[in-house]
PDB file of N, CA and C in Angstrom:
ATOM      1  N   UNK A   1      93.208-157.707  78.782  1.00  0.00           N
ATOM      2  CA  UNK A   1      93.747-156.382  78.597  1.00  0.00           C
ATOM      3  C   UNK A   1      93.265-155.753  77.295  1.00  0.00           C
ATOM      4  N   UNK A   2      93.231-156.515  76.243  1.00  0.00           N
ATOM      5  CA  UNK A   2      92.907-155.964  74.925  1.00  0.00           C
ATOM      6  C   UNK A   2      91.537-155.303  74.911  1.00  0.00           C
ATOM      7  N   UNK A   3      90.598-155.824  75.680  1.00  0.00           N
ATOM      8  CA  UNK A   3      89.270-155.230  75.668  1.00  0.00           C
ATOM      9  C   UNK A   3      89.228-153.850  76.322  1.00  0.00           C
ATOM     10  N   UNK A   4      90.231-153.521  77.116  1.00  0.00           N
ATOM     11  CA  UNK A   4      90.279-152.223  77.789  1.00  0.00           C
ATOM     12  C   UNK A   4      91.129-151.195  77.055  1.00  0.00           C
ATOM     13  N   UNK A   5      92.076-151.654  76.254  1.00  0.00           N
ATOM     14  CA  UNK A   5      93.034-150.765  75.599  1.00  0.00           C
ATOM     15  C   UNK A   5      92.370-149.911  74.530  1.00  0.00           C
ATOM     16  N   UNK A   6      92.807-148.669  74.435  1.00  0.00           N
ATOM     17  CA  UNK A   6      92.343-147.765  73.387  1.00  0.00           C
ATOM     18  C   UNK A   6      93.050-148.170  72.091  1.00  0.00           C
ATOM     19  N   UNK A   7      92.308-148.620  71.084  1.00  0.00           N
ATOM     20  CA  UNK A   7      92.960-149.094  69.858  1.00  0.00           C
ATOM     21  C   UNK A   7      93.655-147.986  69.069  1.00  0.00           C
ATOM     22  N   UNK A   8      93.322-146.736  69.328  1.00  0.00           N
ATOM     23  CA  UNK A   8      93.944-145.621  68.612  1.00  0.00           C
ATOM     24  C   UNK A   8      95.170-145.069  69.329  1.00  0.00           C
ATOM     25  N   UNK A   9      95.440-145.536  70.544  1.00  0.00           N
ATOM     26  CA  UNK A   9      96.532-144.982  71.354  1.00  0.00           C
ATOM     27  C   UNK A   9      97.849-145.713  71.107  1.00  0.00           C
ATOM     28  N   UNK A  10      98.926-145.087  71.522  1.00  0.00           N
ATOM     29  CA  UNK A  10     100.248-145.707  71.515  1.00  0.00           C
ATOM     30  C   UNK A  10     100.447-146.339  72.894  1.00  0.00           C
ATOM     31  N   UNK A  11     100.916-147.572  72.918  1.00  0.00           N
ATOM     32  CA  UNK A  11     101.167-148.305  74.151  1.00  0.00           C
ATOM     33  C   UNK A  11     102.657-148.632  74.195  1.00  0.00           C
ATOM     34  N   UNK A  12     103.218-148.765  75.394  1.00  0.00           N
ATOM     35  CA  UNK A  12     104.658-148.943  75.534  1.00  0.00           C
ATOM     36  C   UNK A  12     104.978-150.228  76.291  1.00  0.00           C
ATOM     37  N   UNK A  13     105.999-150.910  75.819  1.00  0.00           N
ATOM     38  CA  UNK A  13     106.471-152.158  76.388  1.00  0.00           C
ATOM     39  C   UNK A  13     107.909-151.936  76.850  1.00  0.00           C
ATOM     40  N   UNK A  14     108.185-152.212  78.133  1.00  0.00           N
ATOM     41  CA  UNK A  14     109.506-151.967  78.708  1.00  0.00           C
ATOM     42  C   UNK A  14     110.034-153.276  79.299  1.00  0.00           C
ATOM     43  N   UNK A  15     111.046-153.916  78.687  1.00  0.00           N
ATOM     44  CA  UNK A  15     111.573-155.167  79.231  1.00  0.00           C
ATOM     45  C   UNK A  15     112.293-154.923  80.553  1.00  0.00           C
ATOM     46  N   UNK A  16     111.970-155.725  81.554  1.00  0.00           N
ATOM     47  CA  UNK A  16     112.511-155.504  82.888  1.00  0.00           C
ATOM     48  C   UNK A  16     113.491-156.592  83.306  1.00  0.00           C
ATOM     49  N   UNK A  17     113.125-157.851  83.057  1.00  0.00           N
ATOM     50  CA  UNK A  17     114.022-158.931  83.470  1.00  0.00           C
ATOM     51  C   UNK A  17     113.828-160.156  82.594  1.00  0.00           C
ATOM     52  N   UNK A  18     114.841-161.000  82.616  1.00  0.00           N
ATOM     53  CA  UNK A  18     114.765-162.291  81.929  1.00  0.00           C
ATOM     54  C   UNK A  18     114.166-163.276  82.923  1.00  0.00           C
ATOM     55  N   UNK A  19     113.138-163.984  82.497  1.00  0.00           N
ATOM     56  CA  UNK A  19     112.445-164.936  83.349  1.00  0.00           C
ATOM     57  C   UNK A  19     112.664-166.335  82.779  1.00  0.00           C
ATOM     58  N   UNK A  20     113.151-167.218  83.603  1.00  0.00           N
ATOM     59  CA  UNK A  20     113.436-168.583  83.150  1.00  0.00           C
ATOM     60  C   UNK A  20     112.492-169.568  83.844  1.00  0.00           C
ATOM     61  N   UNK A  21     111.967-170.486  83.051  1.00  0.00           N
ATOM     62  CA  UNK A  21     111.039-171.490  83.564  1.00  0.00           C
ATOM     63  C   UNK A  21     111.603-172.876  83.289  1.00  0.00           C
ATOM     64  N   UNK A  22     112.157-173.509  84.300  1.00  0.00           N
ATOM     65  CA  UNK A  22     112.706-174.840  84.122  1.00  0.00           C
ATOM     66  C   UNK A  22     111.652-175.863  83.759  1.00  0.00           C
ATOM     67  N   UNK A  23     110.436-175.676  84.221  1.00  0.00           N
ATOM     68  CA  UNK A  23     109.361-176.632  83.966  1.00  0.00           C
ATOM     69  C   UNK A  23     108.638-176.367  82.638  1.00  0.00           C
ATOM     70  N   UNK A  24     108.962-175.270  81.952  1.00  0.00           N
ATOM     71  CA  UNK A  24     108.349-174.965  80.649  1.00  0.00           C
ATOM     72  C   UNK A  24     109.423-174.479  79.679  1.00  0.00           C
ATOM     73  N   UNK A  25     110.281-175.372  79.228  1.00  0.00           N
ATOM     74  CA  UNK A  25     111.398-174.956  78.379  1.00  0.00           C
ATOM     75  C   UNK A  25     110.956-174.312  77.065  1.00  0.00           C
ATOM     76  N   UNK A  26     109.755-174.618  76.573  1.00  0.00           N
ATOM     77  CA  UNK A  26     109.283-174.001  75.329  1.00  0.00           C
ATOM     78  C   UNK A  26     109.011-172.504  75.498  1.00  0.00           C
ATOM     79  N   UNK A  27     108.861-172.052  76.727  1.00  0.00           N
ATOM     80  CA  UNK A  27     108.596-170.632  77.012  1.00  0.00           C
ATOM     81  C   UNK A  27     109.747-169.975  77.755  1.00  0.00           C
ATOM     82  N   UNK A  28     110.884-170.614  77.744  1.00  0.00           N
ATOM     83  CA  UNK A  28     111.996-170.110  78.530  1.00  0.00           C
ATOM     84  C   UNK A  28     113.253-170.013  77.684  1.00  0.00           C
ATOM     85  N   UNK A  29     113.988-168.951  77.819  1.00  0.00           N
ATOM     86  CA  UNK A  29     113.661-167.790  78.647  1.00  0.00           C
ATOM     87  C   UNK A  29     112.665-166.882  77.933  1.00  0.00           C
ATOM     88  N   UNK A  30     112.010-166.040  78.713  1.00  0.00           N
ATOM     89  CA  UNK A  30     111.188-164.983  78.129  1.00  0.00           C
ATOM     90  C   UNK A  30     111.446-163.704  78.914  1.00  0.00           C
ATOM     91  N   UNK A  31     111.006-162.619  78.375  1.00  0.00           N
ATOM     92  CA  UNK A  31     111.211-161.339  79.034  1.00  0.00           C
ATOM     93  C   UNK A  31     109.942-160.921  79.740  1.00  0.00           C
ATOM     94  N   UNK A  32     110.066-160.581  81.002  1.00  0.00           N
ATOM     95  CA  UNK A  32     108.965-159.997  81.762  1.00  0.00           C
ATOM     96  C   UNK A  32     109.023-158.498  81.485  1.00  0.00           C
ATOM     97  N   UNK A  33     107.956-157.980  80.916  1.00  0.00           N
ATOM     98  CA  UNK A  33     107.910-156.581  80.501  1.00  0.00           C
ATOM     99  C   UNK A  33     106.847-155.818  81.271  1.00  0.00           C
ATOM    100  N   UNK A  34     107.144-154.556  81.547  1.00  0.00           N
ATOM    101  CA  UNK A  34     106.138-153.635  82.057  1.00  0.00           C
ATOM    102  C   UNK A  34     105.436-153.044  80.839  1.00  0.00           C
ATOM    103  N   UNK A  35     104.156-152.873  80.963  1.00  0.00           N
ATOM    104  CA  UNK A  35     103.342-152.383  79.865  1.00  0.00           C
ATOM    105  C   UNK A  35     102.627-151.123  80.316  1.00  0.00           C
ATOM    106  N   UNK A  36     102.805-150.037  79.571  1.00  0.00           N
ATOM    107  CA  UNK A  36     102.098-148.781  79.820  1.00  0.00           C
ATOM    108  C   UNK A  36     101.001-148.694  78.772  1.00  0.00           C
ATOM    109  N   UNK A  37      99.768-148.885  79.230  1.00  0.00           N
ATOM    110  CA  UNK A  37      98.612-148.916  78.342  1.00  0.00           C
ATOM    111  C   UNK A  37      97.780-147.655  78.509  1.00  0.00           C
ATOM    112  N   UNK A  38      97.267-147.155  77.409  1.00  0.00           N
ATOM    113  CA  UNK A  38      96.245-146.119  77.466  1.00  0.00           C
ATOM    114  C   UNK A  38      94.920-146.836  77.256  1.00  0.00           C
ATOM    115  N   UNK A  39      94.019-146.681  78.217  1.00  0.00           N
ATOM    116  CA  UNK A  39      92.744-147.383  78.156  1.00  0.00           C
ATOM    117  C   UNK A  39      91.665-146.496  77.530  1.00  0.00           C
ATOM    118  N   UNK A  40      90.508-147.068  77.346  1.00  0.00           N
ATOM    119  CA  UNK A  40      89.453-146.411  76.568  1.00  0.00           C
ATOM    120  C   UNK A  40      89.007-145.066  77.132  1.00  0.00           C
ATOM    121  N   UNK A  41      89.265-144.772  78.431  1.00  0.00           N
ATOM    122  CA  UNK A  41      88.901-143.466  78.980  1.00  0.00           C
ATOM    123  C   UNK A  41      90.059-142.464  78.915  1.00  0.00           C
ATOM    124  N   UNK A  42      91.175-142.856  78.284  1.00  0.00           N
ATOM    125  CA  UNK A  42      92.322-141.974  78.127  1.00  0.00           C
ATOM    126  C   UNK A  42      93.357-142.066  79.228  1.00  0.00           C
ATOM    127  N   UNK A  43      93.038-142.766  80.307  1.00  0.00           N
ATOM    128  CA  UNK A  43      93.967-142.922  81.429  1.00  0.00           C
ATOM    129  C   UNK A  43      95.063-143.913  81.061  1.00  0.00           C
ATOM    130  N   UNK A  44      96.264-143.714  81.606  1.00  0.00           N
ATOM    131  CA  UNK A  44      97.339-144.682  81.424  1.00  0.00           C
ATOM    132  C   UNK A  44      97.414-145.570  82.647  1.00  0.00           C
ATOM    133  N   UNK A  45      97.576-146.881  82.409  1.00  0.00           N
ATOM    134  CA  UNK A  45      97.638-147.865  83.474  1.00  0.00           C
ATOM    135  C   UNK A  45      98.847-148.772  83.259  1.00  0.00           C
ATOM    136  N   UNK A  46      99.146-149.558  84.275  1.00  0.00           N
ATOM    137  CA  UNK A  46     100.303-150.448  84.296  1.00  0.00           C
ATOM    138  C   UNK A  46      99.843-151.896  84.233  1.00  0.00           C
ATOM    139  N   UNK A  47     100.575-152.701  83.488  1.00  0.00           N
ATOM    140  CA  UNK A  47     100.348-154.135  83.482  1.00  0.00           C
ATOM    141  C   UNK A  47     101.685-154.831  83.226  1.00  0.00           C
ATOM    142  N   UNK A  48     101.679-156.139  83.302  1.00  0.00           N
ATOM    143  CA  UNK A  48     102.853-156.949  82.989  1.00  0.00           C
ATOM    144  C   UNK A  48     102.530-157.851  81.811  1.00  0.00           C
ATOM    145  N   UNK A  49     103.544-158.140  81.026  1.00  0.00           N
ATOM    146  CA  UNK A  49     103.374-159.016  79.876  1.00  0.00           C
ATOM    147  C   UNK A  49     104.658-159.799  79.680  1.00  0.00           C
ATOM    148  N   UNK A  50     104.551-161.102  79.510  1.00  0.00           N
ATOM    149  CA  UNK A  50     105.708-161.936  79.206  1.00  0.00           C
ATOM    150  C   UNK A  50     105.814-162.070  77.689  1.00  0.00           C
ATOM    151  N   UNK A  51     107.020-161.839  77.173  1.00  0.00           N
ATOM    152  CA  UNK A  51     107.248-161.828  75.730  1.00  0.00           C
ATOM    153  C   UNK A  51     108.469-162.682  75.411  1.00  0.00           C
ATOM    154  N   UNK A  52     108.338-163.538  74.420  1.00  0.00           N
ATOM    155  CA  UNK A  52     109.504-164.290  73.965  1.00  0.00           C
ATOM    156  C   UNK A  52     110.480-163.329  73.295  1.00  0.00           C
ATOM    157  N   UNK A  53     111.774-163.488  73.518  1.00  0.00           N
ATOM    158  CA  UNK A  53     112.752-162.548  72.958  1.00  0.00           C
ATOM    159  C   UNK A  53     112.619-162.341  71.450  1.00  0.00           C
ATOM    160  N   UNK A  54     112.379-163.386  70.695  1.00  0.00           N
ATOM    161  CA  UNK A  54     112.272-163.236  69.239  1.00  0.00           C
ATOM    162  C   UNK A  54     111.106-162.325  68.863  1.00  0.00           C
ATOM    163  N   UNK A  55     109.998-162.424  69.576  1.00  0.00           N
ATOM    164  CA  UNK A  55     108.858-161.549  69.303  1.00  0.00           C
ATOM    165  C   UNK A  55     109.184-160.109  69.632  1.00  0.00           C
ATOM    166  N   UNK A  56     109.862-159.896  70.758  1.00  0.00           N
ATOM    167  CA  UNK A  56     110.214-158.533  71.160  1.00  0.00           C
ATOM    168  C   UNK A  56     111.205-157.923  70.173  1.00  0.00           C
ATOM    169  N   UNK A  57     112.170-158.705  69.759  1.00  0.00           N
ATOM    170  CA  UNK A  57     113.194-158.191  68.849  1.00  0.00           C
ATOM    171  C   UNK A  57     112.625-157.819  67.491  1.00  0.00           C
ATOM    172  N   UNK A  58     111.471-158.374  67.118  1.00  0.00           N
ATOM    173  CA  UNK A  58     110.836-158.022  65.851  1.00  0.00           C
ATOM    174  C   UNK A  58     110.099-156.683  65.895  1.00  0.00           C
ATOM    175  N   UNK A  59     109.920-156.124  67.101  1.00  0.00           N
ATOM    176  CA  UNK A  59     109.248-154.829  67.205  1.00  0.00           C
ATOM    177  C   UNK A  59     110.187-153.718  66.736  1.00  0.00           C
ATOM    178  N   UNK A  60     109.671-152.749  65.995  1.00  0.00           N
ATOM    179  CA  UNK A  60     110.544-151.664  65.538  1.00  0.00           C
ATOM    180  C   UNK A  60     110.938-150.743  66.693  1.00  0.00           C
ATOM    181  N   UNK A  61     112.137-150.229  66.648  1.00  0.00           N
ATOM    182  CA  UNK A  61     112.627-149.254  67.632  1.00  0.00           C
ATOM    183  C   UNK A  61     112.170-147.877  67.173  1.00  0.00           C
ATOM    184  N   UNK A  62     111.362-147.203  67.995  1.00  0.00           N
ATOM    185  CA  UNK A  62     110.791-145.926  67.567  1.00  0.00           C
ATOM    186  C   UNK A  62     111.047-144.784  68.541  1.00  0.00           C
ATOM    187  N   UNK A  63     111.663-145.075  69.688  1.00  0.00           N
ATOM    188  CA  UNK A  63     111.810-144.046  70.720  1.00  0.00           C
ATOM    189  C   UNK A  63     113.260-143.641  70.928  1.00  0.00           C
ATOM    190  N   UNK A  64     113.454-142.369  71.236  1.00  0.00           N
ATOM    191  CA  UNK A  64     114.796-141.904  71.595  1.00  0.00           C
ATOM    192  C   UNK A  64     115.040-142.190  73.080  1.00  0.00           C
ATOM    193  N   UNK A  65     116.280-142.028  73.510  1.00  0.00           N
ATOM    194  CA  UNK A  65     116.670-142.380  74.882  1.00  0.00           C
ATOM    195  C   UNK A  65     115.910-141.567  75.927  1.00  0.00           C
ATOM    196  N   UNK A  66     115.684-140.283  75.682  1.00  0.00           N
ATOM    197  CA  UNK A  66     114.975-139.440  76.647  1.00  0.00           C
ATOM    198  C   UNK A  66     113.527-139.905  76.833  1.00  0.00           C
ATOM    199  N   UNK A  67     112.874-140.276  75.749  1.00  0.00           N
ATOM    200  CA  UNK A  67     111.490-140.756  75.836  1.00  0.00           C
ATOM    201  C   UNK A  67     111.439-142.079  76.575  1.00  0.00           C
ATOM    202  N   UNK A  68     112.388-142.961  76.299  1.00  0.00           N
ATOM    203  CA  UNK A  68     112.445-144.233  77.015  1.00  0.00           C
ATOM    204  C   UNK A  68     112.611-144.006  78.514  1.00  0.00           C
ATOM    205  N   UNK A  69     113.473-143.072  78.889  1.00  0.00           N
ATOM    206  CA  UNK A  69     113.700-142.779  80.305  1.00  0.00           C
ATOM    207  C   UNK A  69     112.428-142.257  80.963  1.00  0.00           C
ATOM    208  N   UNK A  70     111.677-141.405  80.275  1.00  0.00           N
ATOM    209  CA  UNK A  70     110.422-140.882  80.827  1.00  0.00           C
ATOM    210  C   UNK A  70     109.402-141.999  81.030  1.00  0.00           C
ATOM    211  N   UNK A  71     109.312-142.895  80.070  1.00  0.00           N
ATOM    212  CA  UNK A  71     108.357-144.005  80.181  1.00  0.00           C
ATOM    213  C   UNK A  71     108.758-144.929  81.329  1.00  0.00           C
ATOM    214  N   UNK A  72     110.037-145.248  81.422  1.00  0.00           N
ATOM    215  CA  UNK A  72     110.509-146.113  82.508  1.00  0.00           C
ATOM    216  C   UNK A  72     110.228-145.462  83.864  1.00  0.00           C
ATOM    217  N   UNK A  73     110.483-144.176  83.983  1.00  0.00           N
ATOM    218  CA  UNK A  73     110.219-143.468  85.236  1.00  0.00           C
ATOM    219  C   UNK A  73     108.727-143.521  85.565  1.00  0.00           C
ATOM    220  N   UNK A  74     107.896-143.286  84.580  1.00  0.00           N
ATOM    221  CA  UNK A  74     106.437-143.315  84.790  1.00  0.00           C
ATOM    222  C   UNK A  74     105.998-144.697  85.281  1.00  0.00           C
ATOM    223  N   UNK A  75     106.505-145.744  84.654  1.00  0.00           N
ATOM    224  CA  UNK A  75     106.146-147.105  85.041  1.00  0.00           C
ATOM    225  C   UNK A  75     106.638-147.462  86.444  1.00  0.00           C
ATOM    226  N   UNK A  76     107.833-147.037  86.785  1.00  0.00           N
ATOM    227  CA  UNK A  76     108.460-147.470  88.026  1.00  0.00           C
ATOM    228  C   UNK A  76     108.149-146.601  89.236  1.00  0.00           C
ATOM    229  N   UNK A  77     107.799-145.318  89.019  1.00  0.00           N
ATOM    230  CA  UNK A  77     107.733-144.405  90.157  1.00  0.00           C
ATOM    231  C   UNK A  77     106.455-143.586  90.287  1.00  0.00           C
ATOM    232  N   UNK A  78     105.532-143.685  89.357  1.00  0.00           N
ATOM    233  CA  UNK A  78     104.390-142.787  89.414  1.00  0.00           C
ATOM    234  C   UNK A  78     103.115-143.409  89.975  1.00  0.00           C
ATOM    235  N   UNK A  79     103.190-144.615  90.492  1.00  0.00           N
ATOM    236  CA  UNK A  79     102.042-145.208  91.162  1.00  0.00           C
ATOM    237  C   UNK A  79     100.803-145.355  90.287  1.00  0.00           C
ATOM    238  N   UNK A  80     101.007-145.799  89.062  1.00  0.00           N
ATOM    239  CA  UNK A  80      99.889-145.993  88.143  1.00  0.00           C
ATOM    240  C   UNK A  80      98.950-147.088  88.647  1.00  0.00           C
ATOM    241  N   UNK A  81      97.679-146.963  88.304  1.00  0.00           N
ATOM    242  CA  UNK A  81      96.755-148.064  88.572  1.00  0.00           C
ATOM    243  C   UNK A  81      97.175-149.268  87.747  1.00  0.00           C
ATOM    244  N   UNK A  82      96.975-150.444  88.300  1.00  0.00           N
ATOM    245  CA  UNK A  82      97.193-151.655  87.513  1.00  0.00           C
ATOM    246  C   UNK A  82      95.971-151.888  86.636  1.00  0.00           C
ATOM    247  N   UNK A  83      96.123-152.773  85.680  1.00  0.00           N
ATOM    248  CA  UNK A  83      94.993-153.115  84.816  1.00  0.00           C
ATOM    249  C   UNK A  83      93.843-153.663  85.653  1.00  0.00           C
ATOM    250  N   UNK A  84      94.136-154.496  86.639  1.00  0.00           N
ATOM    251  CA  UNK A  84      93.085-155.074  87.480  1.00  0.00           C
ATOM    252  C   UNK A  84      92.375-154.000  88.305  1.00  0.00           C
ATOM    253  N   UNK A  85      93.136-153.068  88.870  1.00  0.00           N
ATOM    254  CA  UNK A  85      92.523-151.980  89.643  1.00  0.00           C
ATOM    255  C   UNK A  85      91.617-151.124  88.751  1.00  0.00           C
ATOM    256  N   UNK A  86      92.113-150.790  87.568  1.00  0.00           N
ATOM    257  CA  UNK A  86      91.311-149.974  86.649  1.00  0.00           C
ATOM    258  C   UNK A  86      90.037-150.710  86.248  1.00  0.00           C
ATOM    259  N   UNK A  87      90.144-152.009  85.961  1.00  0.00           N
ATOM    260  CA  UNK A  87      88.980-152.799  85.569  1.00  0.00           C
ATOM    261  C   UNK A  87      87.933-152.844  86.679  1.00  0.00           C
ATOM    262  N   UNK A  88      88.387-152.945  87.935  1.00  0.00           N
ATOM    263  CA  UNK A  88      87.458-152.943  89.075  1.00  0.00           C
ATOM    264  C   UNK A  88      86.700-151.615  89.160  1.00  0.00           C
ATOM    265  N   UNK A  89      87.362-150.526  88.826  1.00  0.00           N
ATOM    266  CA  UNK A  89      86.738-149.193  88.907  1.00  0.00           C
ATOM    267  C   UNK A  89      85.901-148.853  87.679  1.00  0.00           C
ATOM    268  N   UNK A  90      86.085-149.609  86.596  1.00  0.00           N
ATOM    269  CA  UNK A  90      85.418-149.317  85.336  1.00  0.00           C
ATOM    270  C   UNK A  90      84.786-150.577  84.742  1.00  0.00           C
ATOM    271  N   UNK A  91      83.743-151.079  85.388  1.00  0.00           N
ATOM    272  CA  UNK A  91      83.142-152.348  84.915  1.00  0.00           C
ATOM    273  C   UNK A  91      82.498-152.212  83.540  1.00  0.00           C
TER     274      UNK A  91
END
């Protein structure tokens, strides 16, 4: 993903669910997050990222409730290309 992301853009991480792995206790629980990325051509795409809670909690809170709602709506309902789909179209 990092090779496609625009380093100058703002990217958004939206925690969706708690994911538990009985067979990997060192990584459990973690948060499955939706990721709204702006890629090098300016398009926004969707991806998933698993984040340990302590890492997520260290991120600064920078968005108001209305902005969070818009981002969540965009991720959940706007049919964004996935990172894999975008990569296939942009070799």
